[in-house]
C-alpha atoms as a PDB file:
ATOM      1  CA  MET A   1       4.746  -0.328 -27.100  1.00  0.00           C
ATOM      2  CA  PHE A   2       6.187   3.175 -27.199  1.00  0.00           C
ATOM      3  CA  ASP A   3       2.835   4.692 -28.102  1.00  0.00           C
ATOM      4  CA  SER A   4       1.273   3.358 -24.931  1.00  0.00           C
ATOM      5  CA  LEU A   5       4.311   4.416 -22.876  1.00  0.00           C
ATOM      6  CA  SER A   6       4.096   7.916 -24.309  1.00  0.00           C
ATOM      7  CA  GLU A   7       0.406   8.066 -23.488  1.00  0.00           C
ATOM      8  CA  LYS A   8       1.121   6.832 -19.966  1.00  0.00           C
ATOM      9  CA  ILE A   9       3.749   9.548 -19.426  1.00  0.00           C
ATOM     10  CA  LYS A  10       1.353  12.221 -20.692  1.00  0.00           C
ATOM     11  CA  HIS A  11      -1.359  10.920 -18.376  1.00  0.00           C
ATOM     12  CA  ASP A  12       0.978  10.894 -15.378  1.00  0.00           C
ATOM     13  CA  ASP A  13       2.084  14.456 -16.108  1.00  0.00           C
ATOM     14  CA  ALA A  14      -1.530  15.576 -16.355  1.00  0.00           C
ATOM     15  CA  VAL A  15      -2.431  14.132 -12.960  1.00  0.00           C
ATOM     16  CA  GLU A  16      -1.057  16.437 -10.312  1.00  0.00           C
ATOM     17  CA  ILE A  17      -0.995  15.945  -6.574  1.00  0.00           C
ATOM     18  CA  SER A  18      -2.868  18.665  -4.723  1.00  0.00           C
ATOM     19  CA  PRO A  19      -1.003  20.672  -2.081  1.00  0.00           C
ATOM     20  CA  ARG A  20      -3.300  19.249   0.596  1.00  0.00           C
ATOM     21  CA  GLU A  21      -2.447  15.658  -0.378  1.00  0.00           C
ATOM     22  CA  ARG A  22       1.267  16.523  -0.310  1.00  0.00           C
ATOM     23  CA  VAL A  23       0.962  18.004   3.213  1.00  0.00           C
ATOM     24  CA  VAL A  24      -1.056  15.043   4.495  1.00  0.00           C
ATOM     25  CA  LYS A  25       1.504  12.621   3.072  1.00  0.00           C
ATOM     26  CA  GLY A  26       4.338  14.552   4.738  1.00  0.00           C
ATOM     27  CA  VAL A  27       2.557  14.589   8.098  1.00  0.00           C
ATOM     28  CA  VAL A  28       1.839  10.852   7.933  1.00  0.00           C
ATOM     29  CA  ILE A  29       5.472  10.090   7.090  1.00  0.00           C
ATOM     30  CA  ALA A  30       6.671  12.331   9.950  1.00  0.00           C
ATOM     31  CA  VAL A  31       4.348  10.693  12.494  1.00  0.00           C
ATOM     32  CA  LEU A  32       5.314   7.180  11.416  1.00  0.00           C
ATOM     33  CA  SER A  33       9.007   8.087  11.582  1.00  0.00           C
ATOM     34  CA  ILE A  34       8.639   9.505  15.082  1.00  0.00           C
ATOM     35  CA  LEU A  35       6.763   6.415  16.239  1.00  0.00           C
ATOM     36  CA  LEU A  36       9.309   4.069  14.704  1.00  0.00           C
ATOM     37  CA  PHE A  37      12.411   5.805  16.036  1.00  0.00           C
ATOM     38  CA  GLY A  38      10.750   6.553  19.372  1.00  0.00           C
ATOM     39  CA  GLY A  39       9.890   2.878  19.747  1.00  0.00           C
ATOM     40  CA  LEU A  40      13.442   1.852  18.909  1.00  0.00           C
ATOM     41  CA  TYR A  41      14.816   4.375  21.404  1.00  0.00           C
ATOM     42  CA  LEU A  42      12.519   3.144  24.173  1.00  0.00           C
ATOM     43  CA  ALA A  43      13.349  -0.478  23.399  1.00  0.00           C
ATOM     44  CA  ILE A  44      17.076   0.247  23.670  1.00  0.00           C
ATOM     45  CA  ARG A  45      16.556   2.170  26.927  1.00  0.00           C
ATOM     46  CA  MET A  46      14.586  -0.761  28.406  1.00  0.00           C
ATOM     47  CA  ILE A  47      17.335  -3.235  27.492  1.00  0.00           C
ATOM     48  CA  GLU A  48      20.013  -1.218  29.298  1.00  0.00           C
END
């Protein structure tokens, strides 16, 4: 069991995320957050 876990950890360390993938992920998270909170804000404004 520990041999396969050790191999898995080594494999995960070897696979690195490229800077481009990191930026794209950040942009997607930012856009989704803005849409979510913007939608909540508009919904609250419409209720009032």
